[in-house]
Protein backbone atom coordinates (compact mmCIF):
# COMPACT_ATOMS: atom_id res chain seq x y z
CA MET A 1 40.11 -19.72 -2.09
CA SER A 2 41.34 -18.46 -5.46
CA LYS A 3 41.94 -14.79 -6.14
CA ASN A 4 40.25 -15.28 -9.49
CA GLN A 5 36.90 -16.22 -8.04
CA ASN A 6 33.83 -15.10 -9.94
CA ILE A 7 31.58 -12.19 -8.99
CA LEU A 8 28.21 -11.50 -10.61
CA ILE A 9 26.93 -7.92 -10.45
CA ILE A 10 23.30 -7.35 -11.44
CA GLY A 11 22.66 -3.80 -12.64
CA ALA A 12 25.10 -1.71 -14.71
CA GLY A 13 23.93 1.73 -13.67
CA LEU A 14 26.20 4.16 -11.88
CA CYS A 15 26.73 2.10 -8.72
CA GLY A 16 27.06 -1.23 -10.50
CA SER A 17 29.49 0.10 -13.10
CA LEU A 18 31.76 1.68 -10.49
CA LEU A 19 31.62 -1.41 -8.27
CA ALA A 20 32.42 -3.68 -11.21
CA LEU A 21 35.38 -1.53 -12.20
CA ARG A 22 36.78 -1.44 -8.67
CA LEU A 23 36.36 -5.16 -7.99
CA ALA A 24 37.97 -5.94 -11.34
CA GLN A 25 40.90 -3.76 -10.26
CA HIS A 26 41.16 -6.02 -7.20
CA GLY A 27 41.67 -8.95 -9.57
CA PHE A 28 38.29 -10.70 -9.34
CA ASN A 29 36.54 -12.06 -12.43
CA ILE A 30 33.45 -9.91 -12.97
CA THR A 31 30.26 -10.50 -14.94
CA LEU A 32 28.12 -7.36 -15.08
CA VAL A 33 24.56 -7.86 -16.36
CA GLU A 34 22.16 -5.03 -17.28
CA LYS A 35 18.50 -5.29 -18.31
CA ARG A 36 18.58 -2.16 -20.51
CA PRO A 37 20.32 -1.83 -23.88
CA ASP A 38 23.85 -0.44 -23.99
CA LEU A 39 23.25 3.30 -23.57
CA ARG A 40 26.41 3.99 -25.57
CA LYS A 41 24.70 2.56 -28.65
CA VAL A 42 21.05 3.57 -28.25
CA THR A 43 19.19 6.58 -26.92
CA LEU A 44 17.15 5.56 -23.92
CA ASP A 45 13.73 7.04 -23.13
CA ALA A 46 13.98 10.59 -21.84
CA GLY A 47 11.94 12.22 -19.13
CA ARG A 48 12.61 9.89 -16.22
CA SER A 49 16.06 10.86 -15.00
CA ILE A 50 16.48 13.77 -12.62
CA ASN A 51 19.77 15.53 -13.30
CA LEU A 52 22.54 14.62 -10.92
CA ALA A 53 24.63 16.72 -8.57
CA LEU A 54 28.08 15.23 -7.98
CA SER A 55 29.91 16.31 -4.84
CA ASP A 56 32.74 15.22 -2.54
CA ARG A 57 31.42 11.82 -1.45
CA GLY A 58 30.80 10.78 -5.04
CA LEU A 59 34.17 12.09 -6.18
CA ARG A 60 35.77 9.96 -3.47
CA GLY A 61 34.41 6.81 -5.11
CA LEU A 62 35.50 7.91 -8.58
CA ARG A 63 38.96 8.81 -7.25
CA LEU A 64 39.29 5.34 -5.75
CA ALA A 65 38.75 3.77 -9.17
CA GLY A 66 41.09 6.22 -10.92
CA VAL A 67 38.43 7.99 -12.99
CA GLU A 68 37.96 11.25 -11.08
CA GLU A 69 39.93 13.41 -13.52
CA ALA A 70 38.12 11.97 -16.54
CA ALA A 71 34.76 12.59 -14.83
CA LYS A 72 35.65 16.23 -14.15
CA GLU A 73 35.50 16.86 -17.90
CA LEU A 74 31.74 16.20 -17.69
CA LEU A 75 31.02 18.58 -14.80
CA ILE A 76 29.55 22.06 -14.51
CA PRO A 77 30.22 23.71 -11.12
CA MET A 78 27.17 25.07 -9.28
CA THR A 79 28.21 27.47 -6.51
CA GLY A 80 24.78 27.95 -4.96
CA ARG A 81 21.01 28.02 -5.29
CA MET A 82 19.61 30.69 -7.59
CA ILE A 83 16.22 31.47 -6.04
CA HIS A 84 13.52 32.72 -8.43
CA GLU A 85 10.68 34.65 -6.78
CA LYS A 86 7.25 35.09 -8.38
CA SER A 87 8.04 38.75 -9.01
CA GLY A 88 10.92 37.75 -11.25
CA LYS A 89 13.52 38.80 -8.69
CA THR A 90 16.43 36.38 -8.29
CA PHE A 91 19.20 36.01 -5.75
CA LEU A 92 22.06 33.54 -5.32
CA SER A 93 22.31 31.68 -2.02
CA PRO A 94 25.83 30.17 -1.86
CA TYR A 95 26.19 26.56 -0.79
CA SER A 96 29.15 27.50 1.38
CA GLY A 97 31.22 30.45 2.53
CA ARG A 98 34.33 28.54 1.52
CA LYS A 99 35.22 29.25 -2.09
CA ASP A 100 36.32 25.71 -2.91
CA GLU A 101 33.03 24.09 -1.88
CA TYR A 102 30.45 23.63 -4.62
CA ILE A 103 28.45 20.88 -6.25
CA ASN A 104 28.57 19.83 -9.89
CA SER A 105 25.86 19.21 -12.46
CA VAL A 106 26.51 16.05 -14.44
CA SER A 107 24.63 14.02 -17.02
CA ARG A 108 23.62 10.60 -15.71
CA PRO A 109 24.12 8.92 -19.12
CA GLY A 110 27.41 10.73 -19.69
CA LEU A 111 28.88 9.57 -16.39
CA ASN A 112 27.49 6.06 -16.84
CA MET A 113 29.10 5.85 -20.28
CA LEU A 114 32.45 6.88 -18.83
CA LEU A 115 32.28 4.16 -16.18
CA LEU A 116 31.20 1.51 -18.70
CA ASN A 117 34.05 2.47 -21.02
CA GLU A 118 36.58 2.19 -18.20
CA ALA A 119 35.09 -1.09 -16.98
CA GLU A 120 35.21 -2.54 -20.48
CA LYS A 121 38.98 -1.98 -20.60
CA MET A 122 39.46 -4.56 -17.84
CA PRO A 123 40.33 -8.00 -19.28
CA ASN A 124 38.67 -9.75 -16.33
CA LEU A 125 35.32 -7.94 -16.71
CA LYS A 126 32.47 -8.90 -19.03
CA ILE A 127 29.39 -6.72 -19.60
CA ILE A 128 26.10 -8.18 -20.85
CA PHE A 129 23.10 -6.03 -21.86
CA ASN A 130 19.40 -6.65 -22.59
CA GLN A 131 18.97 -9.36 -19.97
CA THR A 132 16.48 -9.02 -17.15
CA CYS A 133 16.86 -10.92 -13.89
CA LYS A 134 14.08 -13.48 -13.39
CA GLU A 135 15.32 -15.49 -10.44
CA VAL A 136 18.15 -15.58 -7.90
CA ASN A 137 19.31 -18.82 -6.29
CA TYR A 138 21.08 -18.14 -3.00
CA GLU A 139 22.38 -21.62 -2.46
CA THR A 140 24.39 -21.89 -5.67
CA PRO A 141 24.60 -18.85 -5.84
CA SER A 142 23.37 -18.05 -9.32
CA ALA A 143 20.88 -15.88 -11.20
CA THR A 144 18.73 -16.61 -14.23
CA PHE A 145 18.12 -13.95 -16.89
CA GLU A 146 15.82 -13.62 -19.87
CA ASP A 147 17.12 -12.02 -23.06
CA PHE A 148 14.78 -9.22 -24.18
CA GLU A 149 15.32 -9.92 -27.88
CA SER A 150 15.39 -13.71 -28.12
CA GLY A 151 13.49 -14.66 -24.99
CA ASP A 152 16.21 -17.21 -24.18
CA GLU A 153 17.08 -17.82 -20.55
CA THR A 154 20.65 -17.98 -19.25
CA THR A 155 21.89 -18.82 -15.77
CA TYR A 156 25.13 -17.31 -14.47
CA LYS A 157 26.86 -18.86 -11.46
CA ALA A 158 29.27 -17.03 -9.20
CA ASP A 159 30.97 -17.16 -5.82
CA VAL A 160 29.02 -14.08 -4.73
CA ILE A 161 26.36 -11.82 -6.25
CA PHE A 162 25.91 -8.07 -5.85
CA GLY A 163 22.50 -6.51 -6.47
CA THR A 164 22.99 -2.97 -7.77
CA ASP A 165 19.82 -2.86 -9.85
CA GLY A 166 18.25 0.29 -8.46
CA ALA A 167 15.19 1.29 -6.48
CA GLY A 168 12.98 -1.29 -8.22
CA SER A 169 15.56 -4.02 -7.59
CA ALA A 170 14.68 -7.47 -8.90
CA VAL A 171 17.33 -8.89 -6.60
CA ARG A 172 15.68 -7.33 -3.55
CA ALA A 173 12.29 -8.56 -4.77
CA SER A 174 13.67 -12.10 -4.86
CA MET A 175 14.71 -11.70 -1.23
CA ILE A 176 11.20 -10.54 -0.32
CA ASN A 177 9.67 -13.53 -2.07
CA ASP A 178 11.97 -16.00 -0.31
CA LYS A 179 9.88 -17.31 2.61
CA ASP A 180 12.98 -18.65 4.35
CA PHE A 181 14.59 -15.20 4.43
CA LEU A 182 12.97 -12.58 6.63
CA LEU A 183 13.69 -9.31 4.88
CA ASN A 184 12.41 -6.18 6.60
CA ILE A 185 11.45 -3.49 4.11
CA SER A 186 9.68 -0.13 4.15
CA GLN A 187 8.70 1.95 1.14
CA GLN A 188 7.41 5.48 1.66
CA TRP A 189 6.20 7.32 -1.41
CA LEU A 190 5.86 11.09 -1.58
CA GLY A 191 2.49 12.58 -2.44
CA HIS A 192 4.38 14.52 -5.10
CA GLY A 193 5.49 13.29 -8.51
CA TYR A 194 7.93 14.85 -10.94
CA LYS A 195 7.99 15.71 -14.62
CA GLU A 196 11.01 16.69 -16.67
CA LEU A 197 11.09 19.73 -18.94
CA GLU A 198 13.94 21.48 -20.72
CA ILE A 199 15.22 25.01 -21.19
CA PRO A 200 16.85 24.77 -24.61
CA ALA A 201 20.17 26.34 -25.46
CA THR A 202 20.34 29.54 -27.50
CA GLU A 203 21.21 29.30 -31.18
CA ASN A 204 24.95 29.50 -30.42
CA ASN A 205 24.71 26.91 -27.59
CA GLY A 206 24.65 29.62 -24.95
CA TYR A 207 22.73 29.55 -21.67
CA ARG A 208 19.41 31.37 -21.35
CA THR A 209 19.96 31.98 -17.62
CA TYR A 210 22.87 31.92 -15.19
CA LYS A 211 24.97 28.83 -15.80
CA ASN A 212 26.75 28.05 -12.53
CA ALA A 213 23.86 27.52 -10.13
CA LEU A 214 21.10 25.12 -9.26
CA HIS A 215 17.98 27.16 -10.05
CA ILE A 216 14.97 26.85 -7.73
CA TRP A 217 11.48 28.29 -8.06
CA PRO A 218 10.06 27.55 -4.55
CA ARG A 219 6.29 27.85 -4.33
CA GLY A 220 5.25 26.20 -1.08
CA GLU A 221 3.87 22.83 -2.15
CA ASP A 222 5.17 23.16 -5.71
CA MET A 223 8.72 23.56 -6.92
CA LEU A 224 10.67 23.83 -10.14
CA ILE A 225 14.42 23.22 -10.35
CA ALA A 226 16.88 23.50 -13.24
CA LEU A 227 20.42 22.17 -13.65
CA PRO A 228 22.80 23.16 -16.47
CA ASN A 229 24.01 20.82 -19.20
CA LEU A 230 27.22 21.04 -21.22
CA ASN A 231 25.32 21.79 -24.45
CA GLY A 232 23.82 25.05 -23.12
CA SER A 233 20.47 23.60 -22.10
CA PHE A 234 19.03 23.12 -18.62
CA THR A 235 17.24 20.01 -17.43
CA VAL A 236 14.16 21.31 -15.60
CA THR A 237 12.14 19.26 -13.13
CA LEU A 238 8.67 20.14 -11.89
CA PHE A 239 7.68 18.72 -8.50
CA LEU A 240 3.93 18.80 -7.98
CA PRO A 241 1.28 16.97 -5.89
CA TYR A 242 -0.48 14.15 -7.66
CA LYS A 243 -3.91 15.35 -6.54
CA ASP A 244 -5.94 17.43 -4.04
CA SER A 245 -4.47 20.77 -5.08
CA ASP A 246 -5.64 23.65 -7.28
CA TYR A 247 -2.84 22.68 -9.64
CA CYS A 248 -1.68 19.08 -9.61
CA PHE A 249 -0.82 16.33 -12.05
CA GLU A 250 -4.39 15.08 -11.82
CA ASN A 251 -5.86 18.29 -13.25
CA LEU A 252 -3.08 19.65 -15.48
CA THR A 253 -4.59 17.85 -18.43
CA THR A 254 -4.87 20.53 -21.13
CA PRO A 255 -2.40 23.00 -22.69
CA GLN A 256 -4.59 25.85 -21.46
CA LYS A 257 -4.47 24.63 -17.86
CA VAL A 258 -0.69 24.15 -18.00
CA GLU A 259 -0.15 27.66 -19.41
CA GLU A 260 -2.48 29.12 -16.79
CA TYR A 261 -0.50 27.39 -14.04
CA PHE A 262 2.90 28.54 -15.30
CA LYS A 263 1.69 32.11 -15.86
CA LYS A 264 0.58 32.20 -12.24
CA GLU A 265 3.51 30.42 -10.55
CA PHE A 266 6.50 30.58 -12.92
CA PRO A 267 5.91 33.43 -15.40
CA ASP A 268 9.62 33.85 -16.22
CA VAL A 269 9.87 30.16 -17.18
CA LEU A 270 7.40 30.65 -20.05
CA GLU A 271 10.01 32.82 -21.74
CA LEU A 272 12.74 30.24 -21.16
CA ILE A 273 10.79 27.23 -22.52
CA PRO A 274 9.18 28.19 -25.85
CA ASN A 275 7.54 24.78 -26.39
CA LEU A 276 6.45 24.27 -22.79
CA THR A 277 3.13 22.47 -23.32
CA GLU A 278 4.55 20.17 -25.98
CA VAL A 279 7.37 19.01 -23.68
CA PHE A 280 5.00 18.82 -20.71
CA PHE A 281 2.71 16.30 -22.39
CA ASN A 282 5.50 14.33 -24.05
CA ASN A 283 7.22 13.39 -20.79
CA PRO A 284 5.80 11.02 -18.16
CA VAL A 285 5.17 11.67 -14.48
CA GLY A 286 7.70 9.93 -12.25
CA ALA A 287 7.29 8.72 -8.66
CA MET A 288 9.64 9.39 -5.74
CA GLY A 289 10.08 7.45 -2.55
CA THR A 290 12.36 6.19 0.19
CA VAL A 291 13.23 2.50 0.46
CA LYS A 292 14.84 1.01 3.55
CA CYS A 293 15.51 -2.66 4.10
CA ASP A 294 17.55 -5.03 6.24
CA PRO A 295 19.51 -7.17 6.18
CA TRP A 296 21.31 -6.21 3.00
CA HIS A 297 22.97 -9.59 2.56
CA ARG A 298 22.01 -13.24 2.69
CA PHE A 299 24.42 -15.82 4.06
CA GLY A 300 27.44 -14.17 2.51
CA LYS A 301 26.13 -15.13 -0.93
CA ILE A 302 24.45 -11.92 -2.09
CA LEU A 303 24.66 -8.24 -1.13
CA LEU A 304 22.45 -5.27 -2.02
CA MET A 305 24.16 -1.96 -2.68
CA GLY A 306 23.20 1.53 -3.84
CA ASP A 307 19.52 2.28 -4.47
CA ALA A 308 18.71 -1.42 -4.25
CA ALA A 309 19.58 -1.21 -0.55
CA HIS A 310 18.57 2.37 0.28
CA ALA A 311 16.70 4.37 -2.34
CA MET A 312 16.01 8.00 -1.44
CA VAL A 313 14.22 11.04 -2.82
CA PRO A 314 16.50 13.36 -4.82
CA PHE A 315 16.33 16.52 -2.71
CA TYR A 316 19.76 16.43 -1.11
CA GLY A 317 21.48 15.54 -4.36
CA GLN A 318 23.07 12.58 -2.57
CA GLY A 319 21.57 9.48 -4.22
CA MET A 320 24.45 8.95 -6.64
CA ASN A 321 26.98 10.26 -4.13
CA ALA A 322 25.76 7.83 -1.48
CA SER A 323 25.94 4.94 -3.95
CA PHE A 324 29.49 5.84 -4.94
CA GLU A 325 30.37 6.18 -1.25
CA ASP A 326 28.92 2.67 -0.75
CA VAL A 327 31.61 1.41 -3.10
CA ALA A 328 34.33 3.32 -1.25
CA VAL A 329 33.19 2.08 2.17
CA PHE A 330 32.91 -1.49 0.90
CA ASP A 331 36.40 -1.18 -0.55
CA GLU A 332 37.74 -0.20 2.88
CA VAL A 333 36.13 -3.23 4.49
CA LEU A 334 37.32 -5.53 1.70
CA ASN A 335 40.90 -4.29 2.08
CA GLN A 336 40.84 -5.22 5.76
CA TYR A 337 39.97 -8.82 4.95
CA LYS A 338 41.25 -9.36 1.42
CA ASP A 339 44.35 -11.42 2.22
CA ASN A 340 42.42 -13.66 4.59
CA LEU A 341 39.58 -13.93 2.06
CA LEU A 342 41.94 -15.13 -0.63
CA SER A 343 43.58 -17.61 1.72
CA GLY A 344 40.23 -18.96 2.90
CA LYS A 345 40.57 -17.71 6.48
CA THR A 346 37.73 -15.19 6.08
CA SER A 347 34.38 -15.55 4.33
CA TRP A 348 32.40 -13.09 2.23
CA GLU A 349 29.73 -13.29 4.92
CA THR A 350 32.10 -11.63 7.41
CA ILE A 351 32.87 -8.88 4.90
CA PHE A 352 29.21 -8.31 4.03
CA ASP A 353 28.22 -8.27 7.69
CA ASP A 354 30.89 -5.73 8.65
CA TYR A 355 30.04 -3.54 5.69
CA GLU A 356 26.36 -3.43 6.63
CA LYS A 357 27.17 -2.65 10.27
CA VAL A 358 29.29 0.31 9.16
CA ARG A 359 27.04 1.60 6.40
CA LYS A 360 23.40 0.99 7.32
CA LYS A 361 23.01 3.81 9.86
CA ASP A 362 24.49 6.31 7.41
CA ALA A 363 22.27 5.18 4.54
CA ASP A 364 19.22 5.59 6.78
CA ALA A 365 20.43 9.04 7.86
CA ILE A 366 20.81 10.49 4.36
CA GLY A 367 17.44 9.04 3.35
CA GLU A 368 15.81 10.97 6.20
CA LEU A 369 17.74 14.15 5.41
CA ALA A 370 16.66 13.98 1.77
CA VAL A 371 12.99 14.06 2.80
CA ASP A 372 13.71 16.98 5.17
CA ASN A 373 15.39 18.91 2.37
CA PHE A 374 12.28 18.60 0.19
CA ASP A 375 10.40 20.89 2.58
CA GLU A 376 13.39 23.23 2.76
CA MET A 377 13.70 23.59 -1.01
CA LYS A 378 10.04 23.93 -1.96
CA ALA A 379 9.03 26.25 0.86
CA HIS A 380 11.69 27.39 3.31
CA THR A 381 14.20 28.78 0.79
CA GLY A 382 11.74 31.59 0.08
CA MET A 383 11.15 32.44 3.76
CA GLU A 384 12.82 35.47 5.35
CA LEU A 385 13.91 33.57 8.48
CA PHE A 386 15.53 30.83 6.41
CA GLN A 387 17.30 33.40 4.24
CA LYS A 388 18.67 35.09 7.37
CA LYS A 389 19.90 31.71 8.60
CA ARG A 390 21.67 30.93 5.33
CA LYS A 391 23.22 34.42 5.20
CA LEU A 392 24.55 33.97 8.73
CA GLU A 393 25.91 30.48 8.03
CA THR A 394 27.67 31.71 4.89
CA ALA A 395 29.25 34.51 6.93
CA PHE A 396 30.41 31.99 9.55
CA GLU A 397 31.99 29.78 6.89
CA THR A 398 33.64 32.74 5.17
CA GLU A 399 35.13 34.33 8.30
CA PHE A 400 35.68 31.20 10.40
CA PRO A 401 36.13 28.39 7.86
CA GLU A 402 37.73 25.99 10.36
CA GLU A 403 35.15 26.56 13.10
CA TYR A 404 31.77 26.22 11.42
CA TYR A 405 30.19 23.89 8.86
CA SER A 406 26.50 24.16 8.07
CA LYS A 407 24.39 21.02 7.87
CA TYR A 408 24.58 21.22 4.09
CA SER A 409 28.37 21.48 4.20
CA LEU A 410 28.64 18.60 6.68
CA VAL A 411 26.58 16.39 4.39
CA THR A 412 27.88 17.51 1.03
CA PHE A 413 31.49 18.61 1.45
CA ASN A 414 32.83 16.53 4.34
CA GLU A 415 33.38 13.00 3.15
CA SER A 416 35.26 12.14 6.38
CA ILE A 417 32.11 12.75 8.46
CA PRO A 418 29.51 9.94 8.30
CA TYR A 419 26.01 10.89 7.20
CA SER A 420 24.65 9.91 10.62
CA GLU A 421 26.96 12.33 12.41
CA ALA A 422 26.24 15.08 9.87
CA LYS A 423 22.51 14.58 10.47
CA LYS A 424 22.83 14.75 14.25
CA ARG A 425 25.05 17.84 14.39
CA GLY A 426 23.44 19.57 11.42
CA ARG A 427 19.92 19.32 12.82
CA ALA A 428 21.09 20.65 16.18
CA GLN A 429 22.79 23.60 14.51
CA ASP A 430 19.69 24.40 12.46
CA LYS A 431 17.51 24.31 15.54
CA ALA A 432 19.97 26.52 17.44
CA ILE A 433 20.26 29.22 14.76
CA LEU A 434 16.56 29.35 13.93
CA GLY A 435 15.65 29.53 17.60
CA LEU A 436 18.16 32.30 18.37
CA LEU A 437 17.07 34.31 15.32
CA HIS A 438 13.39 33.88 16.14
CA ASP A 439 13.97 35.04 19.73
CA GLY A 440 15.99 38.08 18.63
CA LYS A 441 19.16 36.85 20.33
CA LEU A 442 21.38 37.43 17.28
CA PRO A 443 20.85 41.15 16.62
CA GLU A 444 22.57 42.88 13.70
CA THR A 445 24.72 44.86 16.15
CA MET A 446 26.24 41.71 17.70
CA PRO A 447 29.79 40.96 16.42
CA LEU A 448 29.94 37.91 14.15
CA LYS A 449 32.32 36.06 16.48
CA GLU A 450 29.88 36.47 19.37
CA LYS A 451 27.05 35.17 17.19
CA LEU A 452 29.12 32.11 16.34
CA GLU A 453 29.87 31.43 20.01
CA ALA A 454 26.17 31.78 20.87
CA VAL A 455 25.24 29.31 18.12
CA LYS A 456 27.94 26.83 19.17
CA THR A 457 26.85 27.02 22.82
CA GLN A 458 23.18 26.50 21.98
CA THR A 459 24.07 23.65 19.59
CA GLU A 460 25.86 21.80 22.39
CA VAL A 461 22.88 22.33 24.70
CA ILE A 462 20.61 20.74 22.09
CA LEU A 463 23.01 17.87 21.39
CA ASN A 464 23.31 17.09 25.11
CA ALA A 465 19.53 17.20 25.53
CA ASN A 466 19.11 14.84 22.57
CA GLU A 467 21.67 12.41 23.98
CA LYS A 468 19.92 12.44 27.36
CA ALA A 469 16.55 11.80 25.69
CA ASP A 470 18.03 8.90 23.71
CA TYR A 471 19.54 7.46 26.89
CA LEU A 472 16.23 7.64 28.75
CA LYS A 473 14.54 5.68 25.96
CA TYR A 474 16.58 2.67 26.96
């Protein structure tokens, strides 16, 4: 098998661009095809892209491809959640008690442009835009595309195909439609949609509110978040039920109703967004859901990756990070087999199969955690018990940084810990702390070290009980 075999990657978003760059660095010939225009040359429709939070797992993937330092020029550190109460009172809830742990706001187009620019430098990588995938042939393998401008169809053949074309993946759809391939798939949509707004910069490109935080206005079933941009603005996202609520997307149909809603729930935001109603009605309502499927590959000919394999809701800020980590995990598996692959002793099917075995349980885990975090952000962050829990966890991480990691820290700042393990331990810790606080077993007078030992002991009790319950199932 030749080292210069051909790889077709369908979808040049964040995951596809990084994957293409990394596989080109391995020496493969890459064709990267994208249905949208080149975003470096045209301005794509606004209002459908939730701002991104880049953290350790995503940086790992960028580091692997040698673009981490360049990406850091696009980042704005966010050290915690700035909670906005109805009264106008605000307080910062740090993401971690360790000073070097924070997430970063980044522009999706800006990061995508960086990856495309780096990919384009590779002599063995070709990028094609404005072509939508119409059909995938698994036997060849090959894929047929239609040019948006001319309507002409083109078929590209390859040794293997990667589908990195997002949550609405055409490659995955072709798998579903193939009667000879039994693809299991579940799609769970939230009863909430989202709409983008914007807090504009001041006249001198300054920030109208605190820059280095992810801002949250939690209101039970409703929520507003805001992430900073390099130009002084904030991308604001409203999460709201579609229907069956006093205020929902179904009945927010007039400027008067929108102003009434914001005056009641987010009065301080009216001062930050002067043209609120204009922006509200200019931007569309987006849907959010979780997609799980298996298997991710077919006969070693095609592999789904990123959102095409495991789309998730955005509430853990891990969609992009998980996709970048996909690339890093795949790279580890590829490195184990690469020499044998090139000599013909190992097939792509073996590589794809091992990758899915390693990665699937972690992709499922972060998808579940993202749904959990929706409830935490829109409701729990404003609750006294939750605030006590976060204050205690921050104290643990500050005073005993090697002994305690909150669930958020396990997920977000510990790239060496798989998502599945972070979910298991993090949930047990949450249950332990909340239970001890609720029962009054962590009084203010108790020394912090004793509180930590009580939490650790109770966490182990819960973990052991969970393991026993899992064992009894079988």
